[in-house]
Structures are given as C-alpha cells and as structure tokens.
Amino acid sequence: MPIEIPTDLTPELVPLSWLIGEWEGRGRLGSGDEDSEHFFQHVSFTHNGLPYLQYRAESWLTDDDGTLLRPLTVETGFWALERKQLDADGGPGLVPADIVPALKSADEVEALRNKDGGFDISVSISHPGGISELYYGQIKGPQIQLTTDMVMRGSHSKDYSAATRIFGLVDGNLLWRWDVAAGGTTQGKGLEAHASAFLKKIV
C-alpha cells in the first residue's frame, strides 16, 4: 500500500507521515488470551503545519461480537522527531515559531538519522486520572518502539510507573501493543501485557 505524503507537511514529519489519518479497529485487553476483554478503538494522527503530530485515541469496551458496551478511555498527545530545539522553533507557551521551519529540507532531516538507520522520536501522552507519560524511542520505516522516560502522576492517581509501546504498519494496517508496570501487580516482574489492537485506516 503506497504512503501518500501531504504536500503541506513540514520536512521533519516525513518519517512519521505514514501515521497521518484516522484508524479504527478492535483489540484485546491484557495478554489477549481467551478470557481477555475486547475493545474498539478510534485513533487519529493530524498535523497543523508545525513539526509535530497531534494524537488522539478513544476506546470503548465491547462484547465478543464487537457491540459497544461503554466508554473505556481517551488519551491525547504529541509525536515528534527528537532533536535539539532551535531559535526558529516555537515556544515555550505561545512564543511563535519562525515562518521558515527549523529544518527546511529532506537533507537536514536525513542528518538526524541514528546509528540504526532510524530516527529518534519523543511522544507525550496524557490520560484521564492525572497521568502523563513521556516516551523516547525510534521510528524506522514502518516500525516504532517507545519506552517511558518519565511518568507523571497526580496526588490521587492510580499506581502506574512505566510502559513500552510498539507500533507497526503491516499490509496497510496499524498494529500496536502496550506493556505496563502498574497497579502494584508487577513488582519484581517487570512489564506485563496491557493491551493490543489491529486497526484499519479509514479512507
């Protein structure tokens, strides 16, 4: 399936461009075994001309046949290549970026490739209940691997200390898996399977 790159995309988002769009599909909680609950998910990756993707994922519990039962959760965030912030970049806050982007050409983006031939990325994701994650990882073609560098929890948030996520594009479909250390159940055992899903792109 060919990847269409939007003509108004800033150069440094080209490595992430295959994510752009809306995705829907079904998944399983936990390890995905016979007793694991089912869910339906709608995911969107959008851009506004700035050097990051906006991410939103909304999920609902379903029965075995896919009938929606009730809302599960929503998460939102930002995905970008990991690089030093330059004078041309916007922020903090409402400080505007220069009209000309910090990275102006494909050659400047190529210079960011890491020793594995991919690009380092950073992803921030916020959840209901006062939890925010900061992930660092790599995108290499149609594969993404992320590991939390920091998890911020509010004073009344549930226990949640670390996570990894992997994403892959397979035959035009988005597959992902999320492993976590949470709820006090993984002490001494590391990460455990939290959820996984298979999403199709909405045309």
N, C-alpha and C. Protein backbone atom coordinates (compact mmCIF):
# COMPACT_ATOMS: atom_id res chain seq x y z
N MET A 1 0.84 -1.18 0.00
CA MET A 1 0.00 0.00 0.00
C MET A 1 0.88 1.24 0.00
N PRO A 2 0.82 2.11 -1.02
CA PRO A 2 1.67 3.28 -1.07
C PRO A 2 1.30 4.29 0.01
N ILE A 3 2.31 5.00 0.52
CA ILE A 3 2.09 6.02 1.53
C ILE A 3 2.03 7.37 0.84
N GLU A 4 0.92 8.09 1.03
CA GLU A 4 0.77 9.42 0.46
C GLU A 4 1.25 10.46 1.46
N ILE A 5 2.19 11.31 1.03
CA ILE A 5 2.74 12.34 1.90
C ILE A 5 2.06 13.67 1.59
N PRO A 6 1.39 14.29 2.57
CA PRO A 6 0.73 15.58 2.31
C PRO A 6 1.71 16.61 1.80
N THR A 7 1.26 17.44 0.85
CA THR A 7 2.15 18.43 0.24
C THR A 7 2.51 19.56 1.19
N ASP A 8 1.70 19.78 2.25
CA ASP A 8 1.97 20.87 3.18
C ASP A 8 2.70 20.41 4.43
N LEU A 9 3.29 19.22 4.38
CA LEU A 9 3.94 18.65 5.55
C LEU A 9 5.34 19.24 5.72
N THR A 10 5.63 19.69 6.95
CA THR A 10 6.99 20.18 7.22
C THR A 10 7.97 19.01 7.09
N PRO A 11 9.18 19.23 6.56
CA PRO A 11 10.07 18.12 6.21
C PRO A 11 10.32 17.12 7.33
N GLU A 12 10.42 17.56 8.57
CA GLU A 12 10.79 16.62 9.61
C GLU A 12 9.65 15.68 10.02
N LEU A 13 8.46 15.89 9.50
CA LEU A 13 7.37 14.96 9.77
C LEU A 13 7.27 13.86 8.72
N VAL A 14 8.07 13.93 7.68
CA VAL A 14 8.00 12.91 6.63
C VAL A 14 8.23 11.50 7.19
N PRO A 15 9.21 11.28 8.11
CA PRO A 15 9.37 9.92 8.65
C PRO A 15 8.14 9.41 9.39
N LEU A 16 7.30 10.32 9.91
CA LEU A 16 6.10 9.96 10.66
C LEU A 16 4.84 9.97 9.79
N SER A 17 5.00 10.28 8.50
CA SER A 17 3.83 10.58 7.66
C SER A 17 2.90 9.40 7.48
N TRP A 18 3.40 8.17 7.59
CA TRP A 18 2.52 7.01 7.39
C TRP A 18 1.48 6.87 8.50
N LEU A 19 1.69 7.56 9.62
CA LEU A 19 0.72 7.53 10.70
C LEU A 19 -0.48 8.45 10.45
N ILE A 20 -0.30 9.47 9.63
CA ILE A 20 -1.30 10.52 9.49
C ILE A 20 -2.61 9.95 8.93
N GLY A 21 -3.69 10.31 9.59
CA GLY A 21 -5.02 9.86 9.17
C GLY A 21 -5.80 9.33 10.35
N GLU A 22 -6.88 8.63 10.04
CA GLU A 22 -7.75 8.06 11.07
C GLU A 22 -7.77 6.54 10.93
N TRP A 23 -7.76 5.88 12.08
CA TRP A 23 -7.66 4.43 12.14
C TRP A 23 -8.74 3.90 13.08
N GLU A 24 -9.31 2.74 12.75
CA GLU A 24 -10.29 2.10 13.61
C GLU A 24 -10.09 0.60 13.61
N GLY A 25 -10.42 -0.01 14.75
CA GLY A 25 -10.33 -1.45 14.80
C GLY A 25 -10.58 -1.98 16.19
N ARG A 26 -10.34 -3.28 16.34
CA ARG A 26 -10.62 -3.96 17.59
C ARG A 26 -9.33 -4.44 18.26
N GLY A 27 -9.41 -4.61 19.57
CA GLY A 27 -8.26 -5.08 20.32
C GLY A 27 -8.69 -5.90 21.51
N ARG A 28 -7.69 -6.38 22.26
CA ARG A 28 -7.93 -7.18 23.47
C ARG A 28 -7.12 -6.58 24.61
N LEU A 29 -7.72 -6.59 25.79
CA LEU A 29 -7.01 -6.17 26.99
C LEU A 29 -6.12 -7.31 27.48
N GLY A 30 -5.12 -6.95 28.26
CA GLY A 30 -4.23 -7.96 28.81
C GLY A 30 -3.43 -8.66 27.73
N SER A 31 -3.21 -9.94 27.92
CA SER A 31 -2.36 -10.70 27.01
C SER A 31 -3.10 -11.18 25.77
N GLY A 32 -4.41 -10.88 25.69
CA GLY A 32 -5.18 -11.30 24.53
C GLY A 32 -5.60 -12.75 24.56
N ASP A 33 -5.55 -13.38 25.75
CA ASP A 33 -5.94 -14.79 25.83
C ASP A 33 -7.47 -14.92 25.78
N GLU A 34 -7.96 -16.11 25.95
CA GLU A 34 -9.38 -16.40 25.76
C GLU A 34 -10.28 -15.59 26.67
N ASP A 35 -9.81 -15.26 27.87
CA ASP A 35 -10.63 -14.53 28.84
C ASP A 35 -10.45 -13.02 28.77
N SER A 36 -9.60 -12.54 27.88
CA SER A 36 -9.33 -11.09 27.80
C SER A 36 -10.52 -10.35 27.22
N GLU A 37 -10.80 -9.18 27.78
CA GLU A 37 -11.91 -8.37 27.30
C GLU A 37 -11.58 -7.74 25.95
N HIS A 38 -12.63 -7.45 25.18
CA HIS A 38 -12.49 -6.84 23.87
C HIS A 38 -12.72 -5.34 23.96
N PHE A 39 -12.11 -4.59 23.03
CA PHE A 39 -12.41 -3.16 22.93
C PHE A 39 -12.35 -2.72 21.48
N PHE A 40 -12.99 -1.61 21.22
CA PHE A 40 -12.95 -0.94 19.91
C PHE A 40 -12.23 0.38 20.08
N GLN A 41 -11.43 0.77 19.09
CA GLN A 41 -10.64 2.00 19.22
C GLN A 41 -10.67 2.81 17.94
N HIS A 42 -10.73 4.12 18.12
CA HIS A 42 -10.59 5.08 17.02
C HIS A 42 -9.38 5.95 17.33
N VAL A 43 -8.43 6.00 16.41
CA VAL A 43 -7.19 6.74 16.58
C VAL A 43 -7.04 7.75 15.45
N SER A 44 -6.59 8.95 15.78
CA SER A 44 -6.30 9.94 14.74
C SER A 44 -4.93 10.55 14.96
N PHE A 45 -4.21 10.74 13.87
CA PHE A 45 -2.96 11.48 13.84
C PHE A 45 -3.16 12.63 12.86
N THR A 46 -3.05 13.86 13.34
CA THR A 46 -3.26 15.03 12.49
C THR A 46 -2.07 15.97 12.63
N HIS A 47 -1.98 16.95 11.72
CA HIS A 47 -0.91 17.95 11.80
C HIS A 47 -1.48 19.29 11.41
N ASN A 48 -0.82 20.35 11.86
CA ASN A 48 -1.30 21.71 11.59
C ASN A 48 -0.22 22.60 10.97
N GLY A 49 0.79 21.97 10.37
CA GLY A 49 1.87 22.73 9.76
C GLY A 49 3.09 22.90 10.65
N LEU A 50 2.95 22.57 11.94
CA LEU A 50 4.07 22.64 12.88
C LEU A 50 4.76 21.27 12.95
N PRO A 51 5.97 21.20 13.51
CA PRO A 51 6.76 19.96 13.43
C PRO A 51 6.39 18.89 14.45
N TYR A 52 5.11 18.59 14.58
CA TYR A 52 4.68 17.50 15.44
C TYR A 52 3.34 16.99 14.94
N LEU A 53 3.02 15.76 15.30
CA LEU A 53 1.70 15.19 15.04
C LEU A 53 0.87 15.26 16.31
N GLN A 54 -0.41 15.58 16.14
CA GLN A 54 -1.34 15.54 17.25
C GLN A 54 -2.02 14.17 17.26
N TYR A 55 -2.08 13.55 18.43
CA TYR A 55 -2.56 12.18 18.59
C TYR A 55 -3.78 12.15 19.49
N ARG A 56 -4.77 11.37 19.11
CA ARG A 56 -5.94 11.15 19.97
C ARG A 56 -6.42 9.72 19.76
N ALA A 57 -6.64 9.01 20.86
CA ALA A 57 -7.15 7.64 20.80
C ALA A 57 -8.31 7.51 21.77
N GLU A 58 -9.46 7.11 21.24
CA GLU A 58 -10.66 6.93 22.06
C GLU A 58 -11.08 5.46 21.97
N SER A 59 -11.38 4.86 23.13
CA SER A 59 -11.64 3.42 23.17
C SER A 59 -12.92 3.12 23.93
N TRP A 60 -13.58 2.02 23.51
CA TRP A 60 -14.82 1.56 24.13
C TRP A 60 -14.74 0.07 24.40
N LEU A 61 -15.21 -0.39 25.54
CA LEU A 61 -15.36 -1.82 25.78
C LEU A 61 -16.45 -2.37 24.87
N THR A 62 -16.27 -3.60 24.39
CA THR A 62 -17.27 -4.24 23.54
C THR A 62 -17.52 -5.66 24.03
N ASP A 63 -18.58 -6.25 23.49
CA ASP A 63 -18.76 -7.69 23.72
C ASP A 63 -17.94 -8.47 22.69
N ASP A 64 -18.05 -9.78 22.71
CA ASP A 64 -17.24 -10.61 21.82
C ASP A 64 -17.53 -10.34 20.35
N ASP A 65 -18.75 -9.86 20.05
CA ASP A 65 -19.15 -9.61 18.67
C ASP A 65 -18.83 -8.19 18.20
N GLY A 66 -18.28 -7.38 19.09
CA GLY A 66 -17.91 -6.02 18.71
C GLY A 66 -18.94 -4.97 19.02
N THR A 67 -20.05 -5.31 19.67
CA THR A 67 -21.06 -4.33 20.06
C THR A 67 -20.52 -3.45 21.17
N LEU A 68 -20.62 -2.13 21.00
CA LEU A 68 -20.11 -1.21 22.01
C LEU A 68 -20.92 -1.33 23.30
N LEU A 69 -20.23 -1.45 24.42
CA LEU A 69 -20.87 -1.55 25.73
C LEU A 69 -20.81 -0.24 26.50
N ARG A 70 -19.61 0.34 26.60
CA ARG A 70 -19.46 1.60 27.34
C ARG A 70 -18.09 2.21 27.03
N PRO A 71 -17.95 3.52 27.24
CA PRO A 71 -16.64 4.15 27.00
C PRO A 71 -15.57 3.56 27.91
N LEU A 72 -14.36 3.47 27.38
CA LEU A 72 -13.24 2.92 28.14
C LEU A 72 -12.29 4.03 28.58
N THR A 73 -11.74 4.78 27.61
CA THR A 73 -10.86 5.89 27.96
C THR A 73 -10.54 6.71 26.72
N VAL A 74 -9.89 7.84 26.94
CA VAL A 74 -9.37 8.70 25.88
C VAL A 74 -7.96 9.08 26.25
N GLU A 75 -7.05 9.11 25.28
CA GLU A 75 -5.71 9.64 25.52
C GLU A 75 -5.34 10.57 24.38
N THR A 76 -4.58 11.60 24.70
CA THR A 76 -4.16 12.59 23.72
C THR A 76 -2.68 12.86 23.87
N GLY A 77 -2.06 13.35 22.78
CA GLY A 77 -0.63 13.64 22.91
C GLY A 77 -0.03 14.23 21.66
N PHE A 78 1.30 14.26 21.64
CA PHE A 78 2.08 14.84 20.56
C PHE A 78 3.25 13.92 20.23
N TRP A 79 3.51 13.74 18.93
CA TRP A 79 4.59 12.91 18.44
C TRP A 79 5.52 13.76 17.59
N ALA A 80 6.83 13.63 17.77
CA ALA A 80 7.78 14.44 17.01
C ALA A 80 9.14 13.75 16.95
N LEU A 81 9.95 14.16 15.97
CA LEU A 81 11.35 13.73 15.98
C LEU A 81 12.03 14.35 17.19
N GLU A 82 12.90 13.59 17.81
CA GLU A 82 13.63 14.08 18.97
C GLU A 82 14.90 14.79 18.50
N ARG A 83 14.97 16.08 18.77
CA ARG A 83 16.13 16.87 18.37
C ARG A 83 16.23 18.10 19.28
N LYS A 84 17.37 18.76 19.22
CA LYS A 84 17.57 19.98 19.98
C LYS A 84 16.64 21.08 19.46
N GLN A 85 16.02 21.81 20.36
CA GLN A 85 15.17 22.94 19.97
C GLN A 85 16.04 24.11 19.52
N LEU A 86 15.66 24.71 18.40
CA LEU A 86 16.43 25.80 17.81
C LEU A 86 15.69 27.13 17.95
N ASP A 87 16.38 28.23 17.64
CA ASP A 87 15.75 29.55 17.76
C ASP A 87 14.51 29.66 16.87
N ALA A 88 14.48 28.94 15.76
CA ALA A 88 13.35 29.01 14.84
C ALA A 88 12.11 28.28 15.34
N ASP A 89 12.28 27.44 16.37
CA ASP A 89 11.14 26.68 16.90
C ASP A 89 10.28 27.57 17.80
N GLY A 90 9.00 27.24 17.86
CA GLY A 90 8.09 27.97 18.74
C GLY A 90 8.23 27.56 20.18
N GLY A 91 7.58 28.33 21.05
CA GLY A 91 7.56 28.02 22.47
C GLY A 91 8.72 28.65 23.23
N PRO A 92 8.66 28.58 24.55
CA PRO A 92 7.59 27.92 25.31
C PRO A 92 6.28 28.71 25.25
N GLY A 93 5.20 28.04 25.56
CA GLY A 93 3.91 28.70 25.56
C GLY A 93 3.52 29.17 24.17
N LEU A 94 3.13 30.42 24.06
CA LEU A 94 2.63 30.99 22.81
C LEU A 94 3.70 31.72 22.01
N VAL A 95 4.96 31.57 22.37
CA VAL A 95 6.02 32.20 21.58
C VAL A 95 5.99 31.58 20.17
N PRO A 96 5.78 32.41 19.14
CA PRO A 96 5.61 31.83 17.79
C PRO A 96 6.93 31.35 17.20
N ALA A 97 6.81 30.33 16.36
CA ALA A 97 7.96 29.86 15.59
C ALA A 97 8.20 30.79 14.41
N ASP A 98 9.40 30.70 13.82
CA ASP A 98 9.67 31.45 12.59
C ASP A 98 8.77 30.92 11.48
N ILE A 99 8.51 31.77 10.48
CA ILE A 99 7.71 31.35 9.33
C ILE A 99 8.41 30.20 8.60
N VAL A 100 9.72 30.30 8.46
CA VAL A 100 10.51 29.22 7.84
C VAL A 100 10.81 28.18 8.91
N PRO A 101 10.50 26.90 8.69
CA PRO A 101 10.72 25.88 9.73
C PRO A 101 12.19 25.71 10.06
N ALA A 102 12.44 25.18 11.25
CA ALA A 102 13.82 24.98 11.70
C ALA A 102 14.57 24.03 10.79
N LEU A 103 13.91 22.98 10.34
CA LEU A 103 14.50 22.06 9.36
C LEU A 103 13.77 22.28 8.04
N LYS A 104 14.51 22.73 7.04
CA LYS A 104 13.89 23.22 5.81
C LYS A 104 13.94 22.23 4.65
N SER A 105 14.71 21.17 4.77
CA SER A 105 14.90 20.28 3.62
C SER A 105 15.01 18.83 4.07
N ALA A 106 14.84 17.92 3.11
CA ALA A 106 14.99 16.50 3.38
C ALA A 106 16.41 16.17 3.81
N ASP A 107 17.39 16.88 3.26
CA ASP A 107 18.79 16.62 3.64
C ASP A 107 19.03 16.95 5.11
N GLU A 108 18.41 18.02 5.60
CA GLU A 108 18.58 18.38 7.01
C GLU A 108 17.92 17.33 7.91
N VAL A 109 16.80 16.78 7.46
CA VAL A 109 16.15 15.72 8.23
C VAL A 109 17.00 14.46 8.20
N GLU A 110 17.54 14.10 7.04
CA GLU A 110 18.37 12.91 6.91
C GLU A 110 19.56 12.94 7.86
N ALA A 111 20.05 14.13 8.16
CA ALA A 111 21.19 14.27 9.06
C ALA A 111 20.86 13.82 10.48
N LEU A 112 19.57 13.67 10.79
CA LEU A 112 19.14 13.26 12.12
C LEU A 112 19.08 11.74 12.27
N ARG A 113 19.31 11.00 11.18
CA ARG A 113 19.23 9.53 11.30
C ARG A 113 20.21 9.03 12.36
N ASN A 114 19.76 8.06 13.16
CA ASN A 114 20.63 7.50 14.19
C ASN A 114 21.47 6.35 13.64
N LYS A 115 22.28 5.74 14.47
CA LYS A 115 23.21 4.70 14.01
C LYS A 115 22.49 3.44 13.54
N ASP A 116 21.22 3.29 13.93
CA ASP A 116 20.44 2.14 13.48
C ASP A 116 19.70 2.40 12.16
N GLY A 117 19.87 3.59 11.61
CA GLY A 117 19.21 3.92 10.36
C GLY A 117 17.81 4.45 10.51
N GLY A 118 17.36 4.67 11.75
CA GLY A 118 16.04 5.24 12.01
C GLY A 118 16.16 6.66 12.54
N PHE A 119 15.09 7.13 13.14
CA PHE A 119 15.06 8.47 13.73
C PHE A 119 14.62 8.36 15.18
N ASP A 120 15.31 9.08 16.07
CA ASP A 120 14.87 9.16 17.46
C ASP A 120 13.60 10.01 17.52
N ILE A 121 12.63 9.57 18.33
CA ILE A 121 11.39 10.32 18.47
C ILE A 121 11.03 10.49 19.94
N SER A 122 10.21 11.49 20.23
CA SER A 122 9.65 11.68 21.56
C SER A 122 8.14 11.75 21.43
N VAL A 123 7.45 11.18 22.40
CA VAL A 123 5.99 11.13 22.39
C VAL A 123 5.49 11.45 23.79
N SER A 124 4.61 12.42 23.90
CA SER A 124 3.97 12.72 25.18
C SER A 124 2.50 12.35 25.08
N ILE A 125 1.99 11.62 26.09
CA ILE A 125 0.61 11.15 26.10
C ILE A 125 0.01 11.42 27.47
N SER A 126 -1.20 12.02 27.47
CA SER A 126 -1.92 12.31 28.71
C SER A 126 -3.17 11.46 28.80
N HIS A 127 -3.48 11.02 30.02
CA HIS A 127 -4.62 10.17 30.30
C HIS A 127 -5.54 10.82 31.32
N PRO A 128 -6.81 10.43 31.38
CA PRO A 128 -7.66 10.83 32.50
C PRO A 128 -7.08 10.29 33.81
N GLY A 129 -7.41 10.91 34.89
CA GLY A 129 -6.93 10.43 36.19
C GLY A 129 -5.59 10.99 36.59
N GLY A 130 -5.13 12.06 35.89
CA GLY A 130 -3.92 12.74 36.31
C GLY A 130 -2.63 12.03 35.96
N ILE A 131 -2.59 11.28 34.86
CA ILE A 131 -1.38 10.57 34.45
C ILE A 131 -0.90 11.08 33.10
N SER A 132 0.39 11.39 33.01
CA SER A 132 1.02 11.80 31.74
C SER A 132 2.30 11.01 31.57
N GLU A 133 2.55 10.58 30.33
CA GLU A 133 3.75 9.80 30.02
C GLU A 133 4.64 10.58 29.05
N LEU A 134 5.93 10.45 29.21
CA LEU A 134 6.90 10.93 28.22
C LEU A 134 7.69 9.72 27.74
N TYR A 135 7.55 9.43 26.45
CA TYR A 135 8.24 8.30 25.83
C TYR A 135 9.39 8.80 24.96
N TYR A 136 10.47 8.03 24.93
CA TYR A 136 11.51 8.18 23.91
C TYR A 136 11.62 6.85 23.18
N GLY A 137 11.99 6.94 21.91
CA GLY A 137 12.11 5.72 21.15
C GLY A 137 12.61 5.98 19.75
N GLN A 138 12.24 5.10 18.85
CA GLN A 138 12.75 5.16 17.48
C GLN A 138 11.65 4.82 16.49
N ILE A 139 11.67 5.52 15.35
CA ILE A 139 10.87 5.14 14.21
C ILE A 139 11.83 4.75 13.09
N LYS A 140 11.63 3.57 12.57
CA LYS A 140 12.49 3.06 11.50
C LYS A 140 11.58 2.50 10.42
N GLY A 141 11.37 3.27 9.37
CA GLY A 141 10.41 2.87 8.36
C GLY A 141 9.03 2.74 8.98
N PRO A 142 8.36 1.59 8.79
CA PRO A 142 7.02 1.41 9.33
C PRO A 142 6.98 0.77 10.72
N GLN A 143 8.05 0.94 11.51
CA GLN A 143 8.09 0.35 12.84
C GLN A 143 8.46 1.40 13.88
N ILE A 144 7.79 1.34 15.02
CA ILE A 144 8.03 2.29 16.11
C ILE A 144 8.18 1.52 17.41
N GLN A 145 9.19 1.87 18.19
CA GLN A 145 9.37 1.33 19.53
C GLN A 145 9.51 2.48 20.50
N LEU A 146 8.75 2.44 21.61
CA LEU A 146 8.75 3.52 22.60
C LEU A 146 8.90 2.95 24.00
N THR A 147 9.64 3.69 24.85
CA THR A 147 9.80 3.33 26.26
C THR A 147 9.64 4.60 27.09
N THR A 148 8.91 4.51 28.19
CA THR A 148 8.74 5.69 29.02
C THR A 148 10.06 6.13 29.64
N ASP A 149 10.29 7.43 29.57
CA ASP A 149 11.40 8.06 30.29
C ASP A 149 10.89 8.61 31.61
N MET A 150 9.61 9.00 31.63
CA MET A 150 9.02 9.59 32.81
C MET A 150 7.52 9.36 32.80
N VAL A 151 6.96 9.07 33.97
CA VAL A 151 5.52 9.00 34.17
C VAL A 151 5.17 9.97 35.29
N MET A 152 4.32 10.95 34.99
CA MET A 152 3.90 11.93 35.99
C MET A 152 2.51 11.55 36.48
N ARG A 153 2.35 11.46 37.81
CA ARG A 153 1.07 11.08 38.39
C ARG A 153 0.62 12.14 39.38
N GLY A 154 -0.69 12.42 39.36
CA GLY A 154 -1.26 13.33 40.34
C GLY A 154 -1.33 12.71 41.72
N SER A 155 -1.68 13.51 42.70
CA SER A 155 -1.66 13.03 44.09
C SER A 155 -2.68 11.93 44.34
N HIS A 156 -3.72 11.84 43.51
CA HIS A 156 -4.74 10.80 43.70
C HIS A 156 -4.78 9.80 42.55
N SER A 157 -3.74 9.78 41.72
CA SER A 157 -3.71 8.87 40.58
C SER A 157 -3.46 7.44 41.02
N LYS A 158 -3.91 6.50 40.20
CA LYS A 158 -3.62 5.10 40.46
C LYS A 158 -2.14 4.81 40.16
N ASP A 159 -1.66 3.70 40.72
CA ASP A 159 -0.26 3.33 40.54
C ASP A 159 0.03 3.02 39.07
N TYR A 160 1.08 3.63 38.56
CA TYR A 160 1.48 3.43 37.16
C TYR A 160 2.90 3.97 37.05
N SER A 161 3.86 3.11 36.71
CA SER A 161 5.25 3.54 36.83
C SER A 161 6.06 3.49 35.54
N ALA A 162 5.69 2.66 34.56
CA ALA A 162 6.50 2.53 33.36
C ALA A 162 5.70 1.82 32.28
N ALA A 163 6.13 2.00 31.02
CA ALA A 163 5.43 1.34 29.92
C ALA A 163 6.32 1.28 28.69
N THR A 164 6.01 0.37 27.81
CA THR A 164 6.57 0.34 26.46
C THR A 164 5.42 0.21 25.48
N ARG A 165 5.61 0.76 24.27
CA ARG A 165 4.62 0.60 23.21
C ARG A 165 5.37 0.30 21.92
N ILE A 166 4.79 -0.57 21.11
CA ILE A 166 5.33 -0.81 19.78
C ILE A 166 4.19 -0.65 18.77
N PHE A 167 4.52 -0.11 17.61
CA PHE A 167 3.58 0.10 16.52
C PHE A 167 4.21 -0.42 15.24
N GLY A 168 3.38 -0.96 14.37
CA GLY A 168 3.90 -1.42 13.09
C GLY A 168 2.84 -1.32 12.01
N LEU A 169 3.28 -1.01 10.81
CA LEU A 169 2.40 -0.97 9.65
C LEU A 169 2.58 -2.27 8.88
N VAL A 170 1.51 -3.07 8.81
CA VAL A 170 1.56 -4.37 8.15
C VAL A 170 0.42 -4.44 7.14
N ASP A 171 0.76 -4.53 5.85
CA ASP A 171 -0.24 -4.58 4.78
C ASP A 171 -1.23 -3.43 4.89
N GLY A 172 -0.73 -2.27 5.25
CA GLY A 172 -1.57 -1.08 5.33
C GLY A 172 -2.37 -0.95 6.62
N ASN A 173 -2.22 -1.90 7.55
CA ASN A 173 -2.93 -1.86 8.82
C ASN A 173 -1.97 -1.51 9.95
N LEU A 174 -2.51 -0.85 10.97
CA LEU A 174 -1.71 -0.43 12.12
C LEU A 174 -1.90 -1.42 13.26
N LEU A 175 -0.82 -2.06 13.65
CA LEU A 175 -0.82 -2.98 14.79
C LEU A 175 -0.05 -2.34 15.94
N TRP A 176 -0.57 -2.47 17.15
CA TRP A 176 0.17 -1.94 18.29
C TRP A 176 0.02 -2.85 19.52
N ARG A 177 1.00 -2.74 20.41
CA ARG A 177 0.99 -3.46 21.68
C ARG A 177 1.51 -2.52 22.76
N TRP A 178 0.92 -2.63 23.95
CA TRP A 178 1.24 -1.75 25.07
C TRP A 178 1.48 -2.61 26.30
N ASP A 179 2.68 -2.55 26.87
CA ASP A 179 3.03 -3.26 28.09
C ASP A 179 3.25 -2.25 29.20
N VAL A 180 2.82 -2.58 30.43
CA VAL A 180 2.92 -1.61 31.53
C VAL A 180 3.38 -2.29 32.82
N ALA A 181 3.87 -1.43 33.73
CA ALA A 181 4.07 -1.79 35.13
C ALA A 181 3.12 -0.89 35.90
N ALA A 182 2.08 -1.47 36.49
CA ALA A 182 1.04 -0.67 37.11
C ALA A 182 0.29 -1.47 38.15
N GLY A 183 -0.41 -0.75 39.00
CA GLY A 183 -1.33 -1.39 39.94
C GLY A 183 -0.68 -2.22 41.03
N GLY A 184 0.65 -2.11 41.18
CA GLY A 184 1.31 -2.87 42.23
C GLY A 184 1.41 -4.36 41.96
N THR A 185 1.02 -4.79 40.74
CA THR A 185 0.99 -6.23 40.46
C THR A 185 2.24 -6.74 39.77
N THR A 186 3.15 -5.83 39.40
CA THR A 186 4.30 -6.26 38.62
C THR A 186 5.63 -6.04 39.35
N GLN A 187 5.58 -5.78 40.64
CA GLN A 187 6.83 -5.56 41.36
C GLN A 187 7.71 -6.79 41.28
N GLY A 188 8.92 -6.58 40.81
CA GLY A 188 9.87 -7.67 40.67
C GLY A 188 9.66 -8.51 39.43
N LYS A 189 8.61 -8.21 38.68
CA LYS A 189 8.32 -9.00 37.49
C LYS A 189 8.45 -8.19 36.20
N GLY A 190 8.69 -6.88 36.31
CA GLY A 190 8.84 -6.05 35.12
C GLY A 190 7.50 -5.76 34.48
N LEU A 191 7.53 -5.49 33.18
CA LEU A 191 6.33 -5.10 32.44
C LEU A 191 5.47 -6.32 32.12
N GLU A 192 4.16 -6.06 32.03
CA GLU A 192 3.22 -7.11 31.64
C GLU A 192 2.31 -6.59 30.54
N ALA A 193 1.77 -7.50 29.75
CA ALA A 193 0.90 -7.11 28.64
C ALA A 193 -0.31 -6.35 29.17
N HIS A 194 -0.59 -5.20 28.54
CA HIS A 194 -1.73 -4.37 28.94
C HIS A 194 -2.84 -4.39 27.89
N ALA A 195 -2.46 -4.26 26.61
CA ALA A 195 -3.46 -4.27 25.53
C ALA A 195 -2.75 -4.36 24.20
N SER A 196 -3.53 -4.74 23.18
CA SER A 196 -3.02 -4.75 21.79
C SER A 196 -4.21 -4.58 20.88
N ALA A 197 -3.97 -4.12 19.64
CA ALA A 197 -5.06 -3.88 18.71
C ALA A 197 -4.58 -3.97 17.28
N PHE A 198 -5.55 -4.12 16.37
CA PHE A 198 -5.33 -4.20 14.94
C PHE A 198 -6.28 -3.18 14.31
N LEU A 199 -5.74 -2.11 13.72
CA LEU A 199 -6.54 -1.00 13.23
C LEU A 199 -6.42 -0.86 11.72
N LYS A 200 -7.54 -0.57 11.09
CA LYS A 200 -7.56 -0.29 9.65
C LYS A 200 -7.70 1.20 9.42
N LYS A 201 -7.06 1.69 8.36
CA LYS A 201 -7.15 3.11 8.05
C LYS A 201 -8.50 3.44 7.42
N ILE A 202 -9.09 4.54 7.87
CA ILE A 202 -10.37 4.99 7.33
C ILE A 202 -10.10 5.90 6.15
N VAL A 203 -10.68 5.62 5.02
CA VAL A 203 -10.48 6.42 3.82
C VAL A 203 -11.44 7.60 3.88
